Amino acid sequence: RILITSIATSTIGWLVMSEKPVVFINRYADNPLTKEAHVAFSKGLFLFDDIDKNFHENLYKFLSLPIDKIEELWKKKEVDRNYMINHFFTSSSKKNSGKISAKMIMERYFKH
């Protein structure tokens, strides 16, 4: 009932869209999140940075919570998660993935 991943590939989109609680482990040695994505992911998902001093302890404590508590905390993140989805995933809830992709390409590769 809880999904865990550690790399921001297409898999994260599938997990987020499942509507189940998602734990994202931000691995700094292997394609860490950008600052902007880190802020959004930390608000919309359960994010743990592997470079934090108490990383393992914090992750263990979180995963030891009752599932009902984790699901309650997950529901509280819904507004922030929707923002994250609409800004970072092509399968956005507004069904405007083409516009989002075009904007990202234009801004990244065709700046004037």
N, C-alpha and C. Protein backbone atom coordinates (compact mmCIF):
# COMPACT_ATOMS: atom_id res chain seq x y z
N ARG A 1 0.82 -1.21 0.00
CA ARG A 1 0.00 0.00 0.00
C ARG A 1 0.85 1.26 0.00
N ILE A 2 2.17 1.11 0.10
CA ILE A 2 3.11 2.23 0.00
C ILE A 2 4.11 1.88 -1.09
N LEU A 3 4.39 2.84 -1.96
CA LEU A 3 5.34 2.63 -3.05
C LEU A 3 6.61 3.41 -2.75
N ILE A 4 7.77 2.81 -3.04
CA ILE A 4 9.05 3.43 -2.75
C ILE A 4 9.90 3.39 -4.01
N THR A 5 10.51 4.54 -4.33
CA THR A 5 11.41 4.61 -5.48
C THR A 5 12.54 5.59 -5.15
N SER A 6 13.56 5.59 -6.00
CA SER A 6 14.71 6.44 -5.70
C SER A 6 15.28 7.18 -6.89
N ILE A 7 14.68 7.07 -8.05
CA ILE A 7 15.19 7.79 -9.21
C ILE A 7 14.02 8.42 -9.96
N ALA A 8 14.20 9.67 -10.36
CA ALA A 8 13.13 10.40 -11.04
C ALA A 8 13.13 10.06 -12.53
N THR A 9 12.57 8.90 -12.85
CA THR A 9 12.39 8.48 -14.23
C THR A 9 10.88 8.37 -14.47
N SER A 10 10.50 7.80 -15.58
CA SER A 10 9.07 7.67 -15.86
C SER A 10 8.36 6.85 -14.79
N THR A 11 9.08 5.99 -14.13
CA THR A 11 8.48 5.16 -13.07
C THR A 11 7.83 6.01 -11.99
N ILE A 12 8.43 7.12 -11.63
CA ILE A 12 7.86 7.96 -10.57
C ILE A 12 6.47 8.45 -10.98
N GLY A 13 6.29 8.75 -12.24
CA GLY A 13 4.98 9.19 -12.73
C GLY A 13 3.93 8.11 -12.56
N TRP A 14 4.30 6.89 -12.88
CA TRP A 14 3.36 5.77 -12.73
C TRP A 14 2.97 5.61 -11.27
N LEU A 15 3.97 5.71 -10.39
CA LEU A 15 3.69 5.54 -8.96
C LEU A 15 2.79 6.66 -8.44
N VAL A 16 3.11 7.89 -8.79
CA VAL A 16 2.31 9.03 -8.33
C VAL A 16 0.88 8.92 -8.81
N MET A 17 0.70 8.53 -10.06
CA MET A 17 -0.65 8.45 -10.63
C MET A 17 -1.46 7.29 -10.07
N SER A 18 -0.81 6.38 -9.34
CA SER A 18 -1.53 5.26 -8.72
C SER A 18 -2.37 5.71 -7.53
N GLU A 19 -2.11 6.91 -7.04
CA GLU A 19 -2.79 7.51 -5.89
C GLU A 19 -2.47 6.81 -4.58
N LYS A 20 -1.47 5.95 -4.57
CA LYS A 20 -1.00 5.33 -3.33
C LYS A 20 0.14 6.19 -2.77
N PRO A 21 0.36 6.16 -1.47
CA PRO A 21 1.47 6.93 -0.90
C PRO A 21 2.80 6.56 -1.54
N VAL A 22 3.57 7.58 -1.90
CA VAL A 22 4.86 7.37 -2.55
C VAL A 22 5.97 7.96 -1.69
N VAL A 23 6.98 7.13 -1.42
CA VAL A 23 8.19 7.55 -0.75
C VAL A 23 9.25 7.70 -1.84
N PHE A 24 9.86 8.88 -1.90
CA PHE A 24 10.92 9.12 -2.88
C PHE A 24 12.22 9.33 -2.12
N ILE A 25 13.21 8.51 -2.43
CA ILE A 25 14.54 8.65 -1.84
C ILE A 25 15.39 9.40 -2.84
N ASN A 26 15.77 10.62 -2.48
CA ASN A 26 16.58 11.46 -3.35
C ASN A 26 18.04 11.04 -3.18
N ARG A 27 18.57 10.38 -4.19
CA ARG A 27 19.94 9.86 -4.15
C ARG A 27 20.88 10.87 -4.78
N TYR A 28 21.70 11.48 -3.96
CA TYR A 28 22.57 12.55 -4.43
C TYR A 28 23.70 12.06 -5.33
N ALA A 29 24.08 10.80 -5.25
CA ALA A 29 25.14 10.27 -6.11
C ALA A 29 24.61 9.80 -7.46
N ASP A 30 23.29 9.79 -7.63
CA ASP A 30 22.71 9.23 -8.85
C ASP A 30 21.54 10.10 -9.32
N ASN A 31 21.82 11.16 -10.04
CA ASN A 31 20.80 12.05 -10.59
C ASN A 31 19.85 12.63 -9.54
N PRO A 32 20.37 13.45 -8.63
CA PRO A 32 19.48 14.05 -7.63
C PRO A 32 18.51 15.03 -8.27
N LEU A 33 17.45 15.34 -7.55
CA LEU A 33 16.46 16.30 -8.03
C LEU A 33 17.06 17.69 -8.14
N THR A 34 16.52 18.50 -9.05
CA THR A 34 16.88 19.91 -9.09
C THR A 34 16.29 20.58 -7.86
N LYS A 35 16.73 21.79 -7.56
CA LYS A 35 16.20 22.51 -6.39
C LYS A 35 14.69 22.70 -6.49
N GLU A 36 14.22 23.09 -7.68
CA GLU A 36 12.79 23.32 -7.88
C GLU A 36 11.99 22.03 -7.70
N ALA A 37 12.49 20.94 -8.28
CA ALA A 37 11.80 19.65 -8.15
C ALA A 37 11.84 19.17 -6.70
N HIS A 38 12.95 19.40 -6.03
CA HIS A 38 13.09 18.97 -4.63
C HIS A 38 12.01 19.63 -3.76
N VAL A 39 11.81 20.91 -3.96
CA VAL A 39 10.78 21.63 -3.19
C VAL A 39 9.41 21.03 -3.46
N ALA A 40 9.08 20.86 -4.73
CA ALA A 40 7.76 20.33 -5.10
C ALA A 40 7.57 18.89 -4.64
N PHE A 41 8.58 18.05 -4.84
CA PHE A 41 8.48 16.65 -4.43
C PHE A 41 8.36 16.52 -2.92
N SER A 42 9.08 17.36 -2.18
CA SER A 42 9.02 17.26 -0.72
C SER A 42 7.65 17.66 -0.19
N LYS A 43 6.94 18.49 -0.93
CA LYS A 43 5.59 18.88 -0.52
C LYS A 43 4.53 17.88 -0.99
N GLY A 44 4.74 17.28 -2.16
CA GLY A 44 3.73 16.41 -2.74
C GLY A 44 3.89 14.93 -2.44
N LEU A 45 5.09 14.52 -2.07
CA LEU A 45 5.39 13.12 -1.77
C LEU A 45 6.04 13.04 -0.39
N PHE A 46 6.45 11.86 -0.01
CA PHE A 46 7.27 11.69 1.20
C PHE A 46 8.71 11.57 0.72
N LEU A 47 9.49 12.63 0.87
CA LEU A 47 10.84 12.69 0.32
C LEU A 47 11.87 12.54 1.43
N PHE A 48 12.86 11.71 1.17
CA PHE A 48 13.98 11.51 2.08
C PHE A 48 15.27 11.67 1.29
N ASP A 49 16.18 12.50 1.78
CA ASP A 49 17.47 12.71 1.14
C ASP A 49 18.49 11.74 1.72
N ASP A 50 19.17 11.00 0.86
CA ASP A 50 20.10 9.99 1.35
C ASP A 50 21.36 10.58 1.97
N ILE A 51 21.56 11.88 1.84
CA ILE A 51 22.74 12.50 2.46
C ILE A 51 22.46 13.06 3.85
N ASP A 52 21.20 13.02 4.27
CA ASP A 52 20.87 13.49 5.61
C ASP A 52 21.52 12.59 6.66
N LYS A 53 21.97 13.21 7.72
CA LYS A 53 22.67 12.49 8.79
C LYS A 53 21.84 11.32 9.33
N ASN A 54 20.56 11.53 9.54
CA ASN A 54 19.68 10.51 10.11
C ASN A 54 18.77 9.87 9.08
N PHE A 55 19.25 9.78 7.85
CA PHE A 55 18.44 9.26 6.74
C PHE A 55 17.80 7.92 7.07
N HIS A 56 18.60 6.93 7.42
CA HIS A 56 18.08 5.58 7.67
C HIS A 56 17.11 5.56 8.85
N GLU A 57 17.46 6.26 9.90
CA GLU A 57 16.59 6.31 11.08
C GLU A 57 15.25 6.98 10.75
N ASN A 58 15.30 8.11 10.02
CA ASN A 58 14.07 8.82 9.67
C ASN A 58 13.18 7.98 8.75
N LEU A 59 13.79 7.33 7.78
CA LEU A 59 13.03 6.48 6.87
C LEU A 59 12.41 5.30 7.64
N TYR A 60 13.18 4.70 8.52
CA TYR A 60 12.67 3.59 9.32
C TYR A 60 11.50 4.03 10.20
N LYS A 61 11.63 5.18 10.86
CA LYS A 61 10.55 5.69 11.71
C LYS A 61 9.29 5.95 10.88
N PHE A 62 9.46 6.56 9.72
CA PHE A 62 8.30 6.85 8.87
C PHE A 62 7.62 5.56 8.43
N LEU A 63 8.39 4.61 7.93
CA LEU A 63 7.81 3.37 7.43
C LEU A 63 7.24 2.50 8.56
N SER A 64 7.58 2.81 9.79
CA SER A 64 7.04 2.09 10.95
C SER A 64 5.72 2.66 11.43
N LEU A 65 5.30 3.79 10.87
CA LEU A 65 4.00 4.36 11.24
C LEU A 65 2.88 3.42 10.78
N PRO A 66 1.75 3.46 11.47
CA PRO A 66 0.61 2.67 10.99
C PRO A 66 0.20 3.13 9.58
N ILE A 67 -0.20 2.18 8.76
CA ILE A 67 -0.57 2.50 7.37
C ILE A 67 -1.68 3.54 7.32
N ASP A 68 -2.61 3.49 8.25
CA ASP A 68 -3.69 4.48 8.27
C ASP A 68 -3.14 5.89 8.47
N LYS A 69 -2.12 6.04 9.30
CA LYS A 69 -1.50 7.35 9.55
C LYS A 69 -0.79 7.84 8.28
N ILE A 70 -0.07 6.95 7.61
CA ILE A 70 0.63 7.32 6.38
C ILE A 70 -0.38 7.75 5.32
N GLU A 71 -1.47 7.02 5.19
CA GLU A 71 -2.50 7.39 4.21
C GLU A 71 -3.16 8.71 4.56
N GLU A 72 -3.33 8.99 5.84
CA GLU A 72 -3.89 10.27 6.28
C GLU A 72 -2.94 11.42 5.91
N LEU A 73 -1.65 11.23 6.16
CA LEU A 73 -0.65 12.23 5.81
C LEU A 73 -0.59 12.43 4.29
N TRP A 74 -0.76 11.34 3.55
CA TRP A 74 -0.77 11.39 2.08
C TRP A 74 -1.91 12.26 1.57
N LYS A 75 -3.08 12.09 2.14
CA LYS A 75 -4.24 12.89 1.72
C LYS A 75 -4.01 14.38 1.97
N LYS A 76 -3.31 14.71 3.02
CA LYS A 76 -3.03 16.11 3.34
C LYS A 76 -2.10 16.76 2.32
N LYS A 77 -1.39 15.97 1.55
CA LYS A 77 -0.46 16.48 0.55
C LYS A 77 -1.11 16.62 -0.84
N GLU A 78 -2.39 16.38 -0.93
CA GLU A 78 -3.05 16.31 -2.24
C GLU A 78 -2.92 17.59 -3.07
N VAL A 79 -3.13 18.74 -2.48
CA VAL A 79 -3.04 20.00 -3.23
C VAL A 79 -1.62 20.19 -3.76
N ASP A 80 -0.63 19.98 -2.90
CA ASP A 80 0.76 20.13 -3.33
C ASP A 80 1.14 19.07 -4.37
N ARG A 81 0.60 17.88 -4.23
CA ARG A 81 0.88 16.82 -5.20
C ARG A 81 0.29 17.18 -6.57
N ASN A 82 -0.91 17.73 -6.59
CA ASN A 82 -1.50 18.15 -7.86
C ASN A 82 -0.66 19.23 -8.52
N TYR A 83 -0.15 20.16 -7.74
CA TYR A 83 0.76 21.18 -8.29
C TYR A 83 1.99 20.49 -8.90
N MET A 84 2.59 19.57 -8.15
CA MET A 84 3.77 18.85 -8.61
C MET A 84 3.48 18.11 -9.92
N ILE A 85 2.36 17.42 -9.97
CA ILE A 85 1.98 16.67 -11.18
C ILE A 85 1.84 17.61 -12.36
N ASN A 86 1.18 18.73 -12.17
CA ASN A 86 0.94 19.66 -13.27
C ASN A 86 2.19 20.38 -13.73
N HIS A 87 3.23 20.41 -12.92
CA HIS A 87 4.45 21.10 -13.30
C HIS A 87 5.61 20.19 -13.68
N PHE A 88 5.55 18.90 -13.30
CA PHE A 88 6.70 18.03 -13.55
C PHE A 88 6.39 16.76 -14.33
N PHE A 89 5.12 16.46 -14.56
CA PHE A 89 4.77 15.22 -15.23
C PHE A 89 3.98 15.50 -16.50
N THR A 90 4.27 14.74 -17.55
CA THR A 90 3.56 14.95 -18.80
C THR A 90 2.14 14.42 -18.74
N SER A 91 1.85 13.56 -17.80
CA SER A 91 0.49 13.04 -17.64
C SER A 91 -0.27 13.91 -16.64
N SER A 92 -0.26 15.19 -16.87
CA SER A 92 -0.87 16.10 -15.91
C SER A 92 -2.38 15.92 -15.86
N SER A 93 -2.96 16.30 -14.75
CA SER A 93 -4.40 16.14 -14.56
C SER A 93 -5.20 17.07 -15.46
N LYS A 94 -4.57 18.11 -15.99
CA LYS A 94 -5.27 19.04 -16.89
C LYS A 94 -5.22 18.58 -18.35
N LYS A 95 -4.57 17.46 -18.59
CA LYS A 95 -4.47 16.90 -19.95
C LYS A 95 -3.81 17.86 -20.94
N ASN A 96 -2.84 18.63 -20.47
CA ASN A 96 -2.15 19.57 -21.34
C ASN A 96 -0.66 19.22 -21.46
N SER A 97 -0.37 17.94 -21.52
CA SER A 97 1.02 17.50 -21.54
C SER A 97 1.78 18.01 -22.76
N GLY A 98 1.12 18.14 -23.89
CA GLY A 98 1.78 18.66 -25.09
C GLY A 98 2.26 20.09 -24.89
N LYS A 99 1.43 20.92 -24.30
CA LYS A 99 1.81 22.31 -24.03
C LYS A 99 2.95 22.38 -23.01
N ILE A 100 2.87 21.55 -21.99
CA ILE A 100 3.93 21.54 -20.98
C ILE A 100 5.24 21.12 -21.60
N SER A 101 5.22 20.06 -22.40
CA SER A 101 6.45 19.58 -23.05
C SER A 101 7.02 20.62 -24.00
N ALA A 102 6.17 21.24 -24.80
CA ALA A 102 6.64 22.27 -25.74
C ALA A 102 7.26 23.43 -24.99
N LYS A 103 6.64 23.86 -23.91
CA LYS A 103 7.17 24.97 -23.11
C LYS A 103 8.55 24.62 -22.55
N MET A 104 8.69 23.40 -22.03
CA MET A 104 9.98 22.97 -21.47
C MET A 104 11.06 22.95 -22.56
N ILE A 105 10.73 22.44 -23.72
CA ILE A 105 11.70 22.37 -24.82
C ILE A 105 12.08 23.78 -25.27
N MET A 106 11.09 24.64 -25.43
CA MET A 106 11.37 26.02 -25.87
C MET A 106 12.27 26.75 -24.86
N GLU A 107 11.96 26.62 -23.59
CA GLU A 107 12.73 27.31 -22.56
C GLU A 107 14.14 26.76 -22.43
N ARG A 108 14.29 25.47 -22.59
CA ARG A 108 15.60 24.85 -22.41
C ARG A 108 16.50 24.98 -23.62
N TYR A 109 15.94 24.84 -24.82
CA TYR A 109 16.78 24.75 -26.01
C TYR A 109 16.67 25.91 -26.98
N PHE A 110 15.66 26.76 -26.84
CA PHE A 110 15.47 27.83 -27.81
C PHE A 110 15.36 29.20 -27.14
N LYS A 111 16.13 29.41 -26.10
CA LYS A 111 16.10 30.72 -25.43
C LYS A 111 16.65 31.78 -26.36
N HIS A 112 16.03 32.95 -26.30
CA HIS A 112 16.49 34.04 -27.17
C HIS A 112 17.38 34.97 -26.41
